[in-house]
Protein backbone atom coordinates (compact mmCIF):
# COMPACT_ATOMS: atom_id res chain seq x y z
CA MET A 1 91.97 108.57 114.86
CA ALA A 2 93.35 109.61 111.42
CA PHE A 3 94.25 113.30 112.83
CA ASP A 4 96.55 111.86 115.53
CA HIS A 5 99.82 111.89 113.77
CA ASP A 6 103.63 112.30 114.90
CA GLY A 7 104.38 115.87 116.01
CA SER A 8 100.83 116.65 116.60
CA SER A 9 100.49 120.60 118.04
CA PRO A 10 98.96 120.77 121.73
CA GLY A 11 95.78 122.45 120.05
CA THR A 12 95.50 119.06 118.11
CA ILE A 13 95.97 117.00 120.88
CA LEU A 14 93.44 118.53 123.15
CA PHE A 15 90.57 118.66 120.47
CA LEU A 16 91.12 114.63 120.19
CA GLU A 17 90.87 113.98 123.62
CA ILE A 18 87.85 116.22 124.51
CA SER A 19 86.34 114.44 121.27
CA ASN A 20 87.26 111.37 122.83
CA TYR A 21 85.10 111.77 126.14
CA PHE A 22 82.27 113.55 124.24
CA PHE A 23 81.80 110.79 122.09
CA THR A 24 82.57 108.73 125.11
CA ALA A 25 79.86 109.59 127.20
CA ILE A 26 77.25 109.90 124.41
CA PHE A 27 77.94 105.99 123.78
CA PHE A 28 77.77 105.61 127.49
CA ILE A 29 74.46 107.45 128.12
CA GLU A 30 72.97 105.70 125.36
CA ALA A 31 73.63 102.23 126.60
CA CYS A 32 72.28 103.39 130.34
CA VAL A 33 69.31 104.71 128.59
CA LYS A 34 69.02 101.18 126.49
CA LEU A 35 69.70 99.22 129.49
CA TYR A 36 67.15 100.86 131.72
CA VAL A 37 64.27 100.68 128.85
CA PHE A 38 65.00 97.39 127.83
CA ARG A 39 66.19 95.46 131.16
CA MET A 40 68.12 92.10 130.12
CA ALA A 41 65.91 92.05 126.64
CA TYR A 42 68.82 94.41 126.07
CA PHE A 43 71.74 91.43 125.35
CA LYS A 44 69.23 89.61 123.26
CA THR A 45 70.00 91.64 120.30
CA GLY A 46 73.55 91.23 118.17
CA TRP A 47 73.84 95.12 117.69
CA HIS A 48 73.23 96.13 121.24
CA LYS A 49 76.11 93.19 122.16
CA PHE A 50 77.79 95.26 120.08
CA ASP A 51 77.46 98.52 121.26
CA PHE A 52 77.98 97.28 124.98
CA PHE A 53 81.56 96.08 123.73
CA VAL A 54 82.02 99.27 122.18
CA VAL A 55 81.02 101.24 125.56
CA THR A 56 82.92 99.17 127.48
CA SER A 57 86.25 99.28 125.65
CA SER A 58 85.48 103.07 125.37
CA LEU A 59 85.65 103.44 129.00
CA ILE A 60 88.61 100.93 129.69
CA ASP A 61 90.49 102.95 126.92
CA LEU A 62 89.43 106.29 129.05
CA ALA A 63 90.09 105.02 132.52
CA MET A 64 93.81 103.69 131.19
CA SER A 65 94.25 106.90 129.69
CA LEU A 66 93.77 108.78 132.87
CA ALA A 67 95.54 106.51 135.04
CA LEU A 68 98.79 106.14 133.55
CA PRO A 69 101.31 108.93 133.45
CA LYS A 70 101.49 111.67 131.15
CA ASP A 71 105.20 110.31 129.54
CA ASP A 72 103.30 107.08 128.37
CA GLY A 73 103.70 105.38 131.27
CA GLN A 74 107.38 104.78 131.47
CA GLU A 75 107.63 106.37 135.26
CA GLU A 76 108.08 103.57 137.36
CA SER A 77 105.03 102.12 139.62
CA GLY A 78 104.35 99.07 142.30
CA SER A 79 101.62 98.19 139.82
CA GLN A 80 101.96 95.28 137.70
CA ILE A 81 99.23 96.80 135.69
CA LEU A 82 100.23 100.13 134.91
CA ALA A 83 103.99 98.50 133.82
CA VAL A 84 102.51 96.92 130.66
CA GLY A 85 99.83 99.89 130.64
CA PRO A 86 101.21 101.86 127.56
CA GLN A 87 101.11 98.58 125.47
CA LEU A 88 97.66 97.82 126.36
CA ALA A 89 96.41 101.56 126.44
CA ARG A 90 97.39 101.84 122.36
CA VAL A 91 95.28 97.97 121.84
CA MET A 92 92.34 99.92 123.37
CA ARG A 93 92.66 103.08 121.72
CA VAL A 94 92.48 100.72 117.93
CA MET A 95 89.12 99.70 119.61
CA ARG A 96 87.79 103.23 119.10
CA VAL A 97 87.78 102.75 115.47
CA THR A 98 84.87 100.03 116.05
CA ARG A 99 82.52 102.75 116.43
CA VAL A 100 81.89 103.35 113.02
CA LEU A 101 80.97 100.18 112.69
CA ARG A 102 77.50 100.92 114.80
CA LEU A 103 76.32 102.92 111.93
CA ALA A 104 75.56 99.45 110.45
CA GLY A 105 73.43 98.78 113.08
CA THR A 106 70.79 101.95 111.34
CA ASN A 107 71.59 101.13 108.23
CA LYS A 108 69.76 98.02 106.25
CA GLU A 109 72.34 98.05 103.20
CA LEU A 110 74.76 97.91 105.68
CA GLN A 111 73.55 95.19 107.44
CA SER A 112 72.78 93.46 104.67
CA LEU A 113 76.41 93.25 102.97
CA LEU A 114 77.40 92.29 107.01
CA LYS A 115 75.47 89.27 107.00
CA THR A 116 76.33 88.70 102.97
CA ILE A 117 80.20 88.34 104.83
CA VAL A 118 79.00 86.28 107.70
CA MET A 119 77.30 83.94 105.27
CA SER A 120 80.08 83.64 103.24
CA VAL A 121 82.76 83.11 106.07
CA ASP A 122 83.24 79.45 105.57
CA SER A 123 83.20 79.23 102.03
CA LEU A 124 86.21 82.36 101.97
CA PHE A 125 88.04 80.44 104.56
CA ASN A 126 88.00 76.77 102.03
CA VAL A 127 89.73 79.43 99.33
CA PHE A 128 91.84 80.90 101.87
CA ILE A 129 92.82 77.13 102.64
CA LEU A 130 93.13 76.71 98.99
CA LEU A 131 95.35 80.11 98.59
CA MET A 132 97.74 79.17 101.33
CA LEU A 133 98.03 75.76 99.77
CA ILE A 134 99.29 77.54 96.06
CA PHE A 135 101.36 79.79 98.41
CA PHE A 136 103.13 76.98 99.79
CA ILE A 137 103.74 75.09 96.92
CA MET A 138 105.30 78.09 94.74
CA ALA A 139 107.38 78.86 98.05
CA VAL A 140 109.16 75.40 97.96
CA LEU A 141 109.08 75.77 94.16
CA GLY A 142 110.83 79.22 94.58
CA ASN A 143 113.19 77.98 96.94
CA THR A 144 114.30 75.16 95.19
CA MET A 145 114.83 77.24 91.74
CA PHE A 146 116.18 80.77 93.50
CA SER A 147 117.51 80.05 96.38
CA GLN A 148 121.59 80.56 94.88
CA VAL A 149 120.05 84.15 93.95
CA THR A 150 121.36 86.58 96.42
CA GLU A 151 121.54 89.97 94.72
CA GLY A 152 120.17 91.97 92.26
CA ASN A 153 118.27 94.71 91.49
CA VAL A 154 115.23 93.81 94.15
CA ILE A 155 116.31 90.93 95.40
CA ASP A 156 118.85 91.29 98.33
CA ASP A 157 119.28 90.20 102.08
CA TYR A 158 115.64 90.64 102.86
CA LYS A 159 113.84 90.25 99.40
CA ASN A 160 115.35 86.37 98.20
CA PHE A 161 113.94 83.00 98.38
CA ALA A 162 117.16 81.58 100.48
CA ASN A 163 114.63 79.28 102.70
CA PHE A 164 111.11 78.39 102.64
CA HIS A 165 109.90 82.00 105.23
CA GLN A 166 111.94 84.77 102.92
CA SER A 167 110.32 82.79 99.93
CA PHE A 168 106.58 82.52 101.11
CA SER A 169 107.58 86.24 102.59
CA LEU A 170 108.25 87.60 99.00
CA LEU A 171 105.36 85.57 97.25
CA PHE A 172 103.04 87.27 99.21
CA SER A 173 104.49 90.98 98.62
CA ILE A 174 104.41 89.66 94.60
CA SER A 175 100.69 88.83 95.13
CA THR A 176 100.20 92.38 95.81
CA GLY A 177 101.92 93.08 92.13
CA GLU A 178 104.78 95.00 94.05
CA ASP A 179 107.93 94.61 91.78
CA TRP A 180 107.08 91.17 90.22
CA ASN A 181 108.60 91.93 87.04
CA ARG A 182 111.73 93.13 88.63
CA ILE A 183 112.53 90.00 90.68
CA MET A 184 111.29 87.53 87.49
CA TYR A 185 114.38 89.69 85.68
CA ASP A 186 116.84 89.03 88.72
CA THR A 187 115.92 85.44 88.74
CA MET A 188 116.14 84.93 85.14
CA ASN A 189 119.60 86.08 84.89
CA VAL A 190 121.80 83.31 82.87
CA GLY A 191 123.85 85.83 80.95
CA PRO A 192 127.35 84.61 80.89
CA GLY A 193 128.05 87.93 82.91
CA CYS A 194 125.70 86.25 86.04
CA ILE A 195 127.84 85.26 89.09
CA PRO A 196 127.22 81.73 90.42
CA GLY A 197 125.95 82.12 93.64
CA LYS A 198 125.12 84.83 93.77
CA THR A 199 122.89 86.20 90.91
CA CYS A 200 122.18 83.55 88.16
CA GLY A 201 118.81 82.17 88.13
CA SER A 202 117.08 80.22 86.06
CA PRO A 203 115.64 80.55 82.64
CA ILE A 204 112.40 78.94 83.52
CA ALA A 205 111.59 82.13 85.79
CA PRO A 206 109.47 83.42 83.79
CA VAL A 207 106.85 80.32 83.55
CA PHE A 208 106.91 80.79 87.62
CA PHE A 209 106.20 84.10 88.35
CA LEU A 210 103.35 84.63 85.19
CA SER A 211 101.65 81.27 86.49
CA PHE A 212 102.33 82.48 90.19
CA ILE A 213 100.46 86.02 89.07
CA MET A 214 98.21 84.73 86.79
CA ILE A 215 96.51 81.93 89.66
CA VAL A 216 96.98 84.44 92.59
CA SER A 217 96.03 88.06 91.36
CA ASN A 218 93.27 86.93 88.96
CA ILE A 219 91.72 83.46 89.74
CA MET A 220 92.15 83.43 93.27
CA LEU A 221 91.10 87.26 93.62
CA ASN A 222 88.06 86.50 91.67
CA LEU A 223 86.85 83.45 93.50
CA PHE A 224 86.42 85.49 96.88
CA ILE A 225 84.78 88.03 94.96
CA LEU A 226 82.38 85.11 93.19
CA VAL A 227 81.72 83.15 96.58
CA ILE A 228 80.48 86.67 98.07
CA LEU A 229 78.61 87.43 95.41
CA GLN A 230 77.01 83.60 95.36
CA GLN A 231 75.88 84.09 98.67
CA PHE A 232 74.58 87.81 97.93
């Protein structure tokens, strides 16, 4: 999947197609052999169920790639399935990445890590809800304090606090560390040269942004790690 890119040479595309057929055949033969040996007991193991899912999705992907026209299904067809085929085929191609997870079935250390994550799901969900609550509160505050700032070095028609939706999206990007300090400078502009309704912000902008960065990037991120370590 990583080799596929826009402008791929015909040789690369042929190599990827042959590789897909080869690995699909291996997975299918393996599943058939296991079904023959274990019979219905095959589906009593979680990893076998996952293997069967991978094989099934791979076969559907292969069948759709063979059934659709070469121009990605843009030709007219009387079948409703083929009408939505290109979009569904792209989704099924993404399912190929699940093949990598099959490695965890034979590696005890990876199995231990996956089990730890599964055991932490409930606690992680509670932390996630708390994180969303913080995002909600800060998005409302940001919209209240900085809705009049519509222009700046970073703030524009796409990045602003004009409404709750825009505030939430901007805070989400800020939580990754992207340009949060430059956005803070845009919103703390209160000098005599600021333009009301465009560039005038609030003098308490540093308190808002520093508090948000400290809570989200440091405390909440470490809380996620703490939950996983506790379960481990």
